[in-house]
């Protein structure tokens, strides 16, 4: 069994609706409006939405989606909306792709930084009954945003994230490599040592830094447009590191925006935090001068996909972006009558 790459055909995307008891409270209307736009684009791409919703918001969500056959509303309790890091992953048999299983890891709030007790129960309490495939649980602490895989089983992650002792103690690189081979079917694991964005609570998740393309390519969050930026040396080294490990790949860099909170704090805005859908890439935009170049680079990396810009300037106010709030569900995972 091997972890499926994001570009396999999808039947749904999991989202967790922002509510007033999360850190979105100060920007709740804007955050919910962004979610509505994302839901609209997901449905356009022949995918459904599994929408986790706190009881406090169920009346509003029902008014928006109760009569929409493409949205399955799930009343649930969760600490926050970063479902990429606690939603289940999907694996398939390399010889029989129709044979799949779901897998969840332990989630502890990115190394015990935040309370995640409710998030850690979402798969078992609310999602397992919707699946026609088995759900397995692993005790190792691993977030979905820390993993990137291609169709050949090459897996990318980052040393800064994995080496945080509040995740898995002193688990070594070699132990992680063997674990990812055993549990995720990784044929090769590359753990990158460079690249990190200021304000990133995840300790450098790979989905903010580097992503595979379906045709032997990697697109990464570069900084070549900002040679005097404090991020330059780390992100430039990341590009060189990718070239070293993947000499046969086309390596495409993304420009770095400079997005700041009202108090001047640098926010971890990454154009690499996009979501691949059926025939489209939902691309985070930040109302910055670099947006158009980022869109062009994504079109170069994914030439057979529509590049759909999504204003994520409100999402990054909470130190994440579009990929972080979503988890794709490949076809053949959900019960057939779920959206009937």
C-alpha atoms as a PDB file:
ATOM      1  CA  UNK A   1       0.000   0.000   0.000  1.00  0.00           C
ATOM      2  CA  UNK A   2       1.316   3.420  -0.962  1.00  0.00           C
ATOM      3  CA  UNK A   3       0.255   6.967  -0.142  1.00  0.00           C
ATOM      4  CA  UNK A   4      -1.500   8.433  -3.173  1.00  0.00           C
ATOM      5  CA  UNK A   5      -0.230  11.653  -4.780  1.00  0.00           C
ATOM      6  CA  UNK A   6      -2.588  14.603  -4.693  1.00  0.00           C
ATOM      7  CA  UNK A   7      -3.302  14.616  -8.425  1.00  0.00           C
ATOM      8  CA  UNK A   8      -5.140  11.279  -8.520  1.00  0.00           C
ATOM      9  CA  UNK A   9      -8.843  11.620  -9.315  1.00  0.00           C
ATOM     10  CA  UNK A  10     -10.737  12.999  -6.329  1.00  0.00           C
ATOM     11  CA  UNK A  11     -14.306  12.520  -5.223  1.00  0.00           C
ATOM     12  CA  UNK A  12     -14.290  15.015  -2.353  1.00  0.00           C
ATOM     13  CA  UNK A  13     -12.343  17.513  -0.282  1.00  0.00           C
ATOM     14  CA  UNK A  14     -12.595  17.769   3.519  1.00  0.00           C
ATOM     15  CA  UNK A  15     -12.921  21.254   5.030  1.00  0.00           C
ATOM     16  CA  UNK A  16     -13.609  22.443   8.590  1.00  0.00           C
ATOM     17  CA  UNK A  17     -15.798  25.549   8.696  1.00  0.00           C
ATOM     18  CA  UNK A  18     -14.331  28.487  10.679  1.00  0.00           C
ATOM     19  CA  UNK A  19     -16.341  29.262  13.780  1.00  0.00           C
ATOM     20  CA  UNK A  20     -16.405  31.850  16.565  1.00  0.00           C
ATOM     21  CA  UNK A  21     -14.617  29.642  19.115  1.00  0.00           C
ATOM     22  CA  UNK A  22     -11.485  29.371  16.975  1.00  0.00           C
ATOM     23  CA  UNK A  23      -8.768  31.918  16.290  1.00  0.00           C
ATOM     24  CA  UNK A  24     -10.797  33.045  13.260  1.00  0.00           C
ATOM     25  CA  UNK A  25     -13.183  34.990  15.530  1.00  0.00           C
ATOM     26  CA  UNK A  26     -11.665  38.385  14.706  1.00  0.00           C
ATOM     27  CA  UNK A  27     -11.988  37.801  10.945  1.00  0.00           C
ATOM     28  CA  UNK A  28     -14.870  35.346  10.904  1.00  0.00           C
ATOM     29  CA  UNK A  29     -16.962  36.865   8.103  1.00  0.00           C
ATOM     30  CA  UNK A  30     -13.969  37.217   5.779  1.00  0.00           C
ATOM     31  CA  UNK A  31     -12.720  33.721   6.557  1.00  0.00           C
ATOM     32  CA  UNK A  32     -16.129  32.181   5.929  1.00  0.00           C
ATOM     33  CA  UNK A  33     -16.446  34.108   2.669  1.00  0.00           C
ATOM     34  CA  UNK A  34     -13.112  32.657   1.533  1.00  0.00           C
ATOM     35  CA  UNK A  35     -14.314  29.168   2.407  1.00  0.00           C
ATOM     36  CA  UNK A  36     -17.458  29.726   0.350  1.00  0.00           C
ATOM     37  CA  UNK A  37     -15.352  30.635  -2.674  1.00  0.00           C
ATOM     38  CA  UNK A  38     -13.204  27.536  -2.217  1.00  0.00           C
ATOM     39  CA  UNK A  39     -16.276  25.305  -1.885  1.00  0.00           C
ATOM     40  CA  UNK A  40     -17.669  26.741  -5.121  1.00  0.00           C
ATOM     41  CA  UNK A  41     -14.451  25.981  -6.992  1.00  0.00           C
ATOM     42  CA  UNK A  42     -14.217  22.439  -5.596  1.00  0.00           C
ATOM     43  CA  UNK A  43     -17.729  21.661  -6.807  1.00  0.00           C
ATOM     44  CA  UNK A  44     -16.945  23.081 -10.246  1.00  0.00           C
ATOM     45  CA  UNK A  45     -14.238  20.425 -10.519  1.00  0.00           C
ATOM     46  CA  UNK A  46     -16.575  17.463 -10.133  1.00  0.00           C
ATOM     47  CA  UNK A  47     -15.750  16.920  -6.477  1.00  0.00           C
ATOM     48  CA  UNK A  48     -17.919  16.990  -3.384  1.00  0.00           C
ATOM     49  CA  UNK A  49     -17.244  18.665  -0.044  1.00  0.00           C
ATOM     50  CA  UNK A  50     -17.214  17.017   3.375  1.00  0.00           C
ATOM     51  CA  UNK A  51     -17.831  20.055   5.557  1.00  0.00           C
ATOM     52  CA  UNK A  52     -17.143  19.741   9.269  1.00  0.00           C
ATOM     53  CA  UNK A  53     -19.246  22.281  11.124  1.00  0.00           C
ATOM     54  CA  UNK A  54     -19.305  23.295  14.776  1.00  0.00           C
ATOM     55  CA  UNK A  55     -22.805  23.227  16.336  1.00  0.00           C
ATOM     56  CA  UNK A  56     -22.598  26.997  16.868  1.00  0.00           C
ATOM     57  CA  UNK A  57     -22.473  27.555  13.096  1.00  0.00           C
ATOM     58  CA  UNK A  58     -24.832  24.830  11.907  1.00  0.00           C
ATOM     59  CA  UNK A  59     -27.794  27.164  11.342  1.00  0.00           C
ATOM     60  CA  UNK A  60     -25.747  29.420   9.084  1.00  0.00           C
ATOM     61  CA  UNK A  61     -24.131  26.526   7.212  1.00  0.00           C
ATOM     62  CA  UNK A  62     -27.495  24.863   6.692  1.00  0.00           C
ATOM     63  CA  UNK A  63     -28.827  28.084   5.211  1.00  0.00           C
ATOM     64  CA  UNK A  64     -25.958  28.039   2.726  1.00  0.00           C
ATOM     65  CA  UNK A  65     -25.627  24.350   1.864  1.00  0.00           C
ATOM     66  CA  UNK A  66     -28.461  22.229   3.259  1.00  0.00           C
ATOM     67  CA  UNK A  67     -30.058  21.966  -0.185  1.00  0.00           C
ATOM     68  CA  UNK A  68     -26.760  21.530  -2.014  1.00  0.00           C
ATOM     69  CA  UNK A  69     -26.318  17.872  -2.952  1.00  0.00           C
ATOM     70  CA  UNK A  70     -22.562  18.408  -3.399  1.00  0.00           C
ATOM     71  CA  UNK A  71     -21.952  19.390   0.234  1.00  0.00           C
ATOM     72  CA  UNK A  72     -22.226  16.877   3.081  1.00  0.00           C
ATOM     73  CA  UNK A  73     -22.464  18.759   6.380  1.00  0.00           C
ATOM     74  CA  UNK A  74     -21.011  16.984   9.420  1.00  0.00           C
ATOM     75  CA  UNK A  75     -21.768  18.404  12.862  1.00  0.00           C
ATOM     76  CA  UNK A  76     -18.459  18.121  14.699  1.00  0.00           C
ATOM     77  CA  UNK A  77     -16.237  19.575  17.397  1.00  0.00           C
ATOM     78  CA  UNK A  78     -12.693  20.549  16.457  1.00  0.00           C
ATOM     79  CA  UNK A  79     -10.041  22.867  17.847  1.00  0.00           C
ATOM     80  CA  UNK A  80      -9.197  24.540  14.574  1.00  0.00           C
ATOM     81  CA  UNK A  81      -9.585  24.300  10.829  1.00  0.00           C
ATOM     82  CA  UNK A  82      -6.180  23.047   9.637  1.00  0.00           C
ATOM     83  CA  UNK A  83      -7.628  19.724   8.471  1.00  0.00           C
ATOM     84  CA  UNK A  84      -4.598  18.972   6.285  1.00  0.00           C
ATOM     85  CA  UNK A  85      -2.727  18.040   9.426  1.00  0.00           C
ATOM     86  CA  UNK A  86      -5.309  15.826  11.133  1.00  0.00           C
ATOM     87  CA  UNK A  87      -7.508  14.533   8.297  1.00  0.00           C
ATOM     88  CA  UNK A  88      -6.987  10.952   7.160  1.00  0.00           C
ATOM     89  CA  UNK A  89      -4.642  10.066   4.304  1.00  0.00           C
ATOM     90  CA  UNK A  90      -5.487   7.587   1.549  1.00  0.00           C
ATOM     91  CA  UNK A  91      -3.259   4.719   0.408  1.00  0.00           C
ATOM     92  CA  UNK A  92      -3.773   2.293  -2.475  1.00  0.00           C
ATOM     93  CA  UNK A  93      -2.342  -1.040  -3.557  1.00  0.00           C
ATOM     94  CA  UNK A  94       0.209  -0.515  -6.331  1.00  0.00           C
ATOM     95  CA  UNK A  95      -0.968  -3.690  -8.101  1.00  0.00           C
ATOM     96  CA  UNK A  96      -4.688  -3.141  -7.444  1.00  0.00           C
ATOM     97  CA  UNK A  97      -5.445   0.619  -7.212  1.00  0.00           C
ATOM     98  CA  UNK A  98      -9.090  -0.065  -6.341  1.00  0.00           C
ATOM     99  CA  UNK A  99      -7.907  -1.604  -3.053  1.00  0.00           C
ATOM    100  CA  UNK A 100      -7.450   1.291  -0.649  1.00  0.00           C
ATOM    101  CA  UNK A 101      -7.281   2.087   3.025  1.00  0.00           C
ATOM    102  CA  UNK A 102      -7.373   5.267   5.081  1.00  0.00           C
ATOM    103  CA  UNK A 103      -4.682   6.126   7.593  1.00  0.00           C
ATOM    104  CA  UNK A 104      -4.517   8.601  10.445  1.00  0.00           C
ATOM    105  CA  UNK A 105      -1.497   9.580  12.492  1.00  0.00           C
ATOM    106  CA  UNK A 106      -1.407  11.041  15.970  1.00  0.00           C
ATOM    107  CA  UNK A 107      -1.822  14.826  15.924  1.00  0.00           C
ATOM    108  CA  UNK A 108      -0.522  16.850  18.859  1.00  0.00           C
ATOM    109  CA  UNK A 109      -0.826  20.457  17.717  1.00  0.00           C
ATOM    110  CA  UNK A 110       2.488  20.684  15.836  1.00  0.00           C
ATOM    111  CA  UNK A 111       4.667  19.515  18.669  1.00  0.00           C
ATOM    112  CA  UNK A 112       2.353  20.432  21.568  1.00  0.00           C
ATOM    113  CA  UNK A 113       2.144  24.111  20.592  1.00  0.00           C
ATOM    114  CA  UNK A 114      -1.666  24.162  20.652  1.00  0.00           C
ATOM    115  CA  UNK A 115      -4.515  22.112  22.090  1.00  0.00           C
ATOM    116  CA  UNK A 116      -5.519  19.479  19.520  1.00  0.00           C
ATOM    117  CA  UNK A 117      -7.521  16.981  21.553  1.00  0.00           C
ATOM    118  CA  UNK A 118     -10.690  17.501  19.509  1.00  0.00           C
ATOM    119  CA  UNK A 119      -8.829  17.611  16.183  1.00  0.00           C
ATOM    120  CA  UNK A 120      -7.215  14.296  17.038  1.00  0.00           C
ATOM    121  CA  UNK A 121     -10.652  12.637  17.307  1.00  0.00           C
ATOM    122  CA  UNK A 122     -12.167  13.920  14.063  1.00  0.00           C
ATOM    123  CA  UNK A 123     -11.365  10.886  11.908  1.00  0.00           C
ATOM    124  CA  UNK A 124     -12.686   8.283  14.348  1.00  0.00           C
ATOM    125  CA  UNK A 125     -15.707  10.227  15.619  1.00  0.00           C
ATOM    126  CA  UNK A 126     -16.994  11.869  12.443  1.00  0.00           C
ATOM    127  CA  UNK A 127     -15.368  10.553   9.270  1.00  0.00           C
ATOM    128  CA  UNK A 128     -14.816   6.795   9.709  1.00  0.00           C
ATOM    129  CA  UNK A 129     -18.509   5.947   9.252  1.00  0.00           C
ATOM    130  CA  UNK A 130     -18.528   7.722   5.879  1.00  0.00           C
ATOM    131  CA  UNK A 131     -15.831   5.457   4.436  1.00  0.00           C
ATOM    132  CA  UNK A 132     -16.236   2.250   2.480  1.00  0.00           C
ATOM    133  CA  UNK A 133     -12.594   1.397   3.183  1.00  0.00           C
ATOM    134  CA  UNK A 134     -10.916   0.579   6.519  1.00  0.00           C
ATOM    135  CA  UNK A 135      -9.376   3.334   8.632  1.00  0.00           C
ATOM    136  CA  UNK A 136      -6.134   2.496  10.438  1.00  0.00           C
ATOM    137  CA  UNK A 137      -4.506   4.528  13.197  1.00  0.00           C
ATOM    138  CA  UNK A 138      -0.784   5.026  13.755  1.00  0.00           C
ATOM    139  CA  UNK A 139       0.635   6.251  17.056  1.00  0.00           C
ATOM    140  CA  UNK A 140       3.479   8.184  15.434  1.00  0.00           C
ATOM    141  CA  UNK A 141       2.993  11.980  15.353  1.00  0.00           C
ATOM    142  CA  UNK A 142       2.951  13.059  11.695  1.00  0.00           C
ATOM    143  CA  UNK A 143       0.958  15.837  10.026  1.00  0.00           C
ATOM    144  CA  UNK A 144      -0.385  15.586   6.494  1.00  0.00           C
ATOM    145  CA  UNK A 145       1.221  18.909   5.577  1.00  0.00           C
ATOM    146  CA  UNK A 146       4.614  17.391   6.422  1.00  0.00           C
ATOM    147  CA  UNK A 147       4.339  14.820   3.608  1.00  0.00           C
ATOM    148  CA  UNK A 148       4.580  15.167  -0.179  1.00  0.00           C
ATOM    149  CA  UNK A 149       4.718  12.133  -2.485  1.00  0.00           C
ATOM    150  CA  UNK A 150       4.816  11.460  -6.214  1.00  0.00           C
ATOM    151  CA  UNK A 151       3.419   8.594  -8.271  1.00  0.00           C
ATOM    152  CA  UNK A 152       6.659   6.598  -7.962  1.00  0.00           C
ATOM    153  CA  UNK A 153       6.615   6.670  -4.180  1.00  0.00           C
ATOM    154  CA  UNK A 154       9.295   9.309  -3.644  1.00  0.00           C
ATOM    155  CA  UNK A 155       8.411  11.127  -0.444  1.00  0.00           C
ATOM    156  CA  UNK A 156       9.526  14.592   0.621  1.00  0.00           C
ATOM    157  CA  UNK A 157       9.571  15.976   4.147  1.00  0.00           C
ATOM    158  CA  UNK A 158      11.673  18.419   6.174  1.00  0.00           C
ATOM    159  CA  UNK A 159      14.241  17.892   8.901  1.00  0.00           C
ATOM    160  CA  UNK A 160      13.174  20.923  10.933  1.00  0.00           C
ATOM    161  CA  UNK A 161       9.672  19.508  11.320  1.00  0.00           C
ATOM    162  CA  UNK A 162      10.518  15.854  11.886  1.00  0.00           C
ATOM    163  CA  UNK A 163      13.325  16.547  14.351  1.00  0.00           C
ATOM    164  CA  UNK A 164      11.131  18.486  16.790  1.00  0.00           C
ATOM    165  CA  UNK A 165      11.483  16.280  19.910  1.00  0.00           C
ATOM    166  CA  UNK A 166       7.916  17.082  20.991  1.00  0.00           C
ATOM    167  CA  UNK A 167       6.644  15.074  18.047  1.00  0.00           C
ATOM    168  CA  UNK A 168       8.443  11.739  18.270  1.00  0.00           C
ATOM    169  CA  UNK A 169      11.224  12.184  20.782  1.00  0.00           C
ATOM    170  CA  UNK A 170      14.652  11.409  19.371  1.00  0.00           C
ATOM    171  CA  UNK A 171      13.431   9.447  16.336  1.00  0.00           C
ATOM    172  CA  UNK A 172      16.285   9.590  13.822  1.00  0.00           C
ATOM    173  CA  UNK A 173      16.247  10.371  10.096  1.00  0.00           C
ATOM    174  CA  UNK A 174      17.008   6.731   9.370  1.00  0.00           C
ATOM    175  CA  UNK A 175      14.110   5.614  11.544  1.00  0.00           C
ATOM    176  CA  UNK A 176      11.759   8.023   9.764  1.00  0.00           C
ATOM    177  CA  UNK A 177      12.921   6.737   6.384  1.00  0.00           C
ATOM    178  CA  UNK A 178      12.222   3.150   7.383  1.00  0.00           C
ATOM    179  CA  UNK A 179       8.903   4.123   8.962  1.00  0.00           C
ATOM    180  CA  UNK A 180       7.707   5.941   5.847  1.00  0.00           C
ATOM    181  CA  UNK A 181       8.714   2.950   3.736  1.00  0.00           C
ATOM    182  CA  UNK A 182       6.831   0.546   6.003  1.00  0.00           C
ATOM    183  CA  UNK A 183       3.709   2.624   6.648  1.00  0.00           C
ATOM    184  CA  UNK A 184       3.345   4.829   3.567  1.00  0.00           C
ATOM    185  CA  UNK A 185       5.005   2.610   0.976  1.00  0.00           C
ATOM    186  CA  UNK A 186       7.655   5.220   0.203  1.00  0.00           C
ATOM    187  CA  UNK A 187      10.217   3.843  -2.231  1.00  0.00           C
ATOM    188  CA  UNK A 188      12.568   6.728  -1.428  1.00  0.00           C
ATOM    189  CA  UNK A 189      12.457   9.432   1.233  1.00  0.00           C
ATOM    190  CA  UNK A 190      14.233  12.773   0.890  1.00  0.00           C
ATOM    191  CA  UNK A 191      14.264  14.869   4.067  1.00  0.00           C
ATOM    192  CA  UNK A 192      15.182  18.434   3.169  1.00  0.00           C
ATOM    193  CA  UNK A 193      17.392  20.477   5.466  1.00  0.00           C
ATOM    194  CA  UNK A 194      16.824  24.011   4.164  1.00  0.00           C
ATOM    195  CA  UNK A 195      13.976  26.472   3.950  1.00  0.00           C
ATOM    196  CA  UNK A 196      11.641  27.901   6.558  1.00  0.00           C
ATOM    197  CA  UNK A 197       9.189  30.808   6.599  1.00  0.00           C
ATOM    198  CA  UNK A 198       8.993  33.311   9.443  1.00  0.00           C
ATOM    199  CA  UNK A 199       5.842  32.851  11.505  1.00  0.00           C
ATOM    200  CA  UNK A 200       5.338  29.217  10.493  1.00  0.00           C
ATOM    201  CA  UNK A 201       4.083  27.270  13.519  1.00  0.00           C
ATOM    202  CA  UNK A 202       4.479  23.923  11.722  1.00  0.00           C
ATOM    203  CA  UNK A 203       8.310  23.935  11.850  1.00  0.00           C
ATOM    204  CA  UNK A 204       8.602  24.066   8.073  1.00  0.00           C
ATOM    205  CA  UNK A 205       5.950  21.807   6.580  1.00  0.00           C
ATOM    206  CA  UNK A 206       6.847  20.610   3.115  1.00  0.00           C
ATOM    207  CA  UNK A 207       3.551  21.918   1.706  1.00  0.00           C
ATOM    208  CA  UNK A 208       4.797  25.470   2.284  1.00  0.00           C
ATOM    209  CA  UNK A 209       8.097  24.755   0.549  1.00  0.00           C
ATOM    210  CA  UNK A 210       8.156  22.188  -2.279  1.00  0.00           C
ATOM    211  CA  UNK A 211       5.573  20.200  -4.264  1.00  0.00           C
ATOM    212  CA  UNK A 212       5.826  17.523  -6.941  1.00  0.00           C
ATOM    213  CA  UNK A 213       4.204  17.826 -10.351  1.00  0.00           C
ATOM    214  CA  UNK A 214       2.788  14.811 -12.254  1.00  0.00           C
ATOM    215  CA  UNK A 215       5.483  14.933 -14.941  1.00  0.00           C
ATOM    216  CA  UNK A 216       8.872  14.794 -13.227  1.00  0.00           C
ATOM    217  CA  UNK A 217       8.899  18.297 -11.837  1.00  0.00           C
ATOM    218  CA  UNK A 218       9.110  20.132  -8.519  1.00  0.00           C
ATOM    219  CA  UNK A 219       7.857  23.632  -7.832  1.00  0.00           C
ATOM    220  CA  UNK A 220       9.187  25.295  -4.709  1.00  0.00           C
ATOM    221  CA  UNK A 221       8.889  28.485  -2.705  1.00  0.00           C
ATOM    222  CA  UNK A 222      11.910  30.436  -3.783  1.00  0.00           C
ATOM    223  CA  UNK A 223      13.179  33.908  -2.957  1.00  0.00           C
ATOM    224  CA  UNK A 224      15.160  34.889  -6.061  1.00  0.00           C
ATOM    225  CA  UNK A 225      13.009  38.020  -6.414  1.00  0.00           C
ATOM    226  CA  UNK A 226      14.149  39.246  -2.993  1.00  0.00           C
ATOM    227  CA  UNK A 227      17.938  38.820  -2.733  1.00  0.00           C
ATOM    228  CA  UNK A 228      18.141  40.997   0.407  1.00  0.00           C
ATOM    229  CA  UNK A 229      15.247  39.283   2.189  1.00  0.00           C
ATOM    230  CA  UNK A 230      16.122  37.395   5.420  1.00  0.00           C
ATOM    231  CA  UNK A 231      14.616  34.286   3.810  1.00  0.00           C
ATOM    232  CA  UNK A 232      16.928  34.396   0.806  1.00  0.00           C
ATOM    233  CA  UNK A 233      19.795  32.213   1.996  1.00  0.00           C
ATOM    234  CA  UNK A 234      17.539  29.424   3.293  1.00  0.00           C
ATOM    235  CA  UNK A 235      15.222  29.327   0.279  1.00  0.00           C
ATOM    236  CA  UNK A 236      18.098  29.661  -2.193  1.00  0.00           C
ATOM    237  CA  UNK A 237      19.759  26.712  -0.446  1.00  0.00           C
ATOM    238  CA  UNK A 238      16.467  24.816  -0.700  1.00  0.00           C
ATOM    239  CA  UNK A 239      16.515  25.244  -4.471  1.00  0.00           C
ATOM    240  CA  UNK A 240      20.089  23.974  -4.654  1.00  0.00           C
ATOM    241  CA  UNK A 241      19.190  21.043  -2.399  1.00  0.00           C
ATOM    242  CA  UNK A 242      16.309  20.070  -4.682  1.00  0.00           C
ATOM    243  CA  UNK A 243      18.572  20.279  -7.737  1.00  0.00           C
ATOM    244  CA  UNK A 244      21.053  17.995  -5.988  1.00  0.00           C
ATOM    245  CA  UNK A 245      18.525  15.338  -4.997  1.00  0.00           C
ATOM    246  CA  UNK A 246      16.491  15.515  -8.213  1.00  0.00           C
ATOM    247  CA  UNK A 247      18.866  16.268 -11.116  1.00  0.00           C
ATOM    248  CA  UNK A 248      16.431  14.714 -13.592  1.00  0.00           C
ATOM    249  CA  UNK A 249      13.500  16.910 -12.514  1.00  0.00           C
ATOM    250  CA  UNK A 250      12.435  20.284 -13.826  1.00  0.00           C
ATOM    251  CA  UNK A 251      12.818  22.595 -10.818  1.00  0.00           C
ATOM    252  CA  UNK A 252      10.584  25.683 -10.901  1.00  0.00           C
ATOM    253  CA  UNK A 253      10.787  28.454  -8.325  1.00  0.00           C
ATOM    254  CA  UNK A 254       7.988  30.654  -7.010  1.00  0.00           C
ATOM    255  CA  UNK A 255       8.504  34.289  -6.007  1.00  0.00           C
ATOM    256  CA  UNK A 256       8.301  35.228  -2.338  1.00  0.00           C
ATOM    257  CA  UNK A 257       5.722  37.808  -1.239  1.00  0.00           C
ATOM    258  CA  UNK A 258       6.174  40.061   1.777  1.00  0.00           C
ATOM    259  CA  UNK A 259       2.878  39.833   3.664  1.00  0.00           C
ATOM    260  CA  UNK A 260       2.585  41.380   7.085  1.00  0.00           C
ATOM    261  CA  UNK A 261       0.036  41.600   9.860  1.00  0.00           C
ATOM    262  CA  UNK A 262      -1.208  44.995  11.041  1.00  0.00           C
ATOM    263  CA  UNK A 263       1.474  45.039  13.726  1.00  0.00           C
ATOM    264  CA  UNK A 264       4.178  44.553  11.083  1.00  0.00           C
ATOM    265  CA  UNK A 265       4.835  40.889  11.860  1.00  0.00           C
ATOM    266  CA  UNK A 266       5.906  38.862   8.810  1.00  0.00           C
ATOM    267  CA  UNK A 267       3.316  36.238   7.891  1.00  0.00           C
ATOM    268  CA  UNK A 268       4.277  32.853   6.336  1.00  0.00           C
ATOM    269  CA  UNK A 269       2.676  33.482   2.934  1.00  0.00           C
ATOM    270  CA  UNK A 270       3.648  30.714   0.512  1.00  0.00           C
ATOM    271  CA  UNK A 271       2.539  30.254  -3.092  1.00  0.00           C
ATOM    272  CA  UNK A 272       3.491  26.576  -2.731  1.00  0.00           C
ATOM    273  CA  UNK A 273       0.484  26.016  -0.458  1.00  0.00           C
ATOM    274  CA  UNK A 274      -1.874  25.276  -3.362  1.00  0.00           C
ATOM    275  CA  UNK A 275      -4.487  22.516  -3.713  1.00  0.00           C
ATOM    276  CA  UNK A 276      -4.565  20.194  -6.743  1.00  0.00           C
ATOM    277  CA  UNK A 277      -8.086  19.274  -7.857  1.00  0.00           C
ATOM    278  CA  UNK A 278      -9.507  17.414 -10.849  1.00  0.00           C
ATOM    279  CA  UNK A 279      -8.052  19.398 -13.734  1.00  0.00           C
ATOM    280  CA  UNK A 280      -7.336  22.505 -11.674  1.00  0.00           C
ATOM    281  CA  UNK A 281      -4.920  23.996  -9.190  1.00  0.00           C
ATOM    282  CA  UNK A 282      -6.449  26.297  -6.587  1.00  0.00           C
ATOM    283  CA  UNK A 283      -3.665  28.824  -6.157  1.00  0.00           C
ATOM    284  CA  UNK A 284      -3.304  31.010  -3.065  1.00  0.00           C
ATOM    285  CA  UNK A 285      -2.945  34.694  -3.823  1.00  0.00           C
ATOM    286  CA  UNK A 286      -2.144  37.425  -1.317  1.00  0.00           C
ATOM    287  CA  UNK A 287      -2.974  40.705  -3.112  1.00  0.00           C
ATOM    288  CA  UNK A 288       0.742  41.236  -3.650  1.00  0.00           C
ATOM    289  CA  UNK A 289       2.802  42.291  -6.693  1.00  0.00           C
ATOM    290  CA  UNK A 290       4.185  38.744  -6.932  1.00  0.00           C
ATOM    291  CA  UNK A 291       0.744  37.167  -7.470  1.00  0.00           C
ATOM    292  CA  UNK A 292       0.848  37.239 -11.272  1.00  0.00           C
ATOM    293  CA  UNK A 293       4.333  35.749 -11.519  1.00  0.00           C
ATOM    294  CA  UNK A 294       3.340  33.019  -9.061  1.00  0.00           C
ATOM    295  CA  UNK A 295       0.299  32.221 -11.194  1.00  0.00           C
ATOM    296  CA  UNK A 296       2.479  32.044 -14.316  1.00  0.00           C
ATOM    297  CA  UNK A 297       4.973  29.721 -12.628  1.00  0.00           C
ATOM    298  CA  UNK A 298       2.172  27.428 -11.476  1.00  0.00           C
ATOM    299  CA  UNK A 299       0.837  27.339 -15.040  1.00  0.00           C
ATOM    300  CA  UNK A 300       4.312  26.321 -16.190  1.00  0.00           C
ATOM    301  CA  UNK A 301       4.495  23.573 -13.569  1.00  0.00           C
ATOM    302  CA  UNK A 302       0.965  22.272 -14.238  1.00  0.00           C
ATOM    303  CA  UNK A 303       0.386  22.922 -17.968  1.00  0.00           C
ATOM    304  CA  UNK A 304      -2.652  20.640 -18.202  1.00  0.00           C
ATOM    305  CA  UNK A 305      -4.455  22.273 -15.286  1.00  0.00           C
ATOM    306  CA  UNK A 306      -6.533  25.413 -14.934  1.00  0.00           C
ATOM    307  CA  UNK A 307      -4.857  27.741 -12.454  1.00  0.00           C
ATOM    308  CA  UNK A 308      -7.631  29.214 -10.298  1.00  0.00           C
ATOM    309  CA  UNK A 309      -6.548  32.130  -8.073  1.00  0.00           C
ATOM    310  CA  UNK A 310      -8.029  32.282  -4.580  1.00  0.00           C
ATOM    311  CA  UNK A 311      -7.511  35.310  -2.361  1.00  0.00           C
ATOM    312  CA  UNK A 312      -5.961  33.789   0.759  1.00  0.00           C
ATOM    313  CA  UNK A 313      -4.833  37.007   2.394  1.00  0.00           C
ATOM    314  CA  UNK A 314      -7.207  36.338   5.295  1.00  0.00           C
ATOM    315  CA  UNK A 315      -6.048  32.718   5.733  1.00  0.00           C
ATOM    316  CA  UNK A 316      -2.431  33.720   6.176  1.00  0.00           C
ATOM    317  CA  UNK A 317      -3.474  36.036   9.027  1.00  0.00           C
ATOM    318  CA  UNK A 318      -3.716  32.773  10.974  1.00  0.00           C
ATOM    319  CA  UNK A 319      -0.341  31.562   9.633  1.00  0.00           C
ATOM    320  CA  UNK A 320      -1.611  29.061   7.072  1.00  0.00           C
ATOM    321  CA  UNK A 321      -3.105  28.982   3.610  1.00  0.00           C
ATOM    322  CA  UNK A 322      -5.200  27.021   1.134  1.00  0.00           C
ATOM    323  CA  UNK A 323      -3.545  23.614   1.263  1.00  0.00           C
ATOM    324  CA  UNK A 324      -3.445  23.718   5.059  1.00  0.00           C
ATOM    325  CA  UNK A 325      -7.239  23.992   5.386  1.00  0.00           C
ATOM    326  CA  UNK A 326      -8.052  21.116   3.009  1.00  0.00           C
ATOM    327  CA  UNK A 327      -7.634  17.361   2.593  1.00  0.00           C
ATOM    328  CA  UNK A 328      -8.450  15.628  -0.686  1.00  0.00           C
ATOM    329  CA  UNK A 329     -10.346  12.320  -0.795  1.00  0.00           C
ATOM    330  CA  UNK A 330      -9.598  10.115  -3.834  1.00  0.00           C
ATOM    331  CA  UNK A 331     -12.351   8.242  -5.641  1.00  0.00           C
ATOM    332  CA  UNK A 332     -13.444   4.917  -4.184  1.00  0.00           C
ATOM    333  CA  UNK A 333     -13.124   5.999  -0.553  1.00  0.00           C
ATOM    334  CA  UNK A 334     -16.576   7.241   0.483  1.00  0.00           C
ATOM    335  CA  UNK A 335     -19.791   5.252   0.616  1.00  0.00           C
ATOM    336  CA  UNK A 336     -21.500   5.388  -2.761  1.00  0.00           C
ATOM    337  CA  UNK A 337     -24.782   6.709  -1.395  1.00  0.00           C
ATOM    338  CA  UNK A 338     -23.289   9.527   0.672  1.00  0.00           C
ATOM    339  CA  UNK A 339     -24.245  12.299  -1.748  1.00  0.00           C
ATOM    340  CA  UNK A 340     -27.409  10.751  -3.168  1.00  0.00           C
END
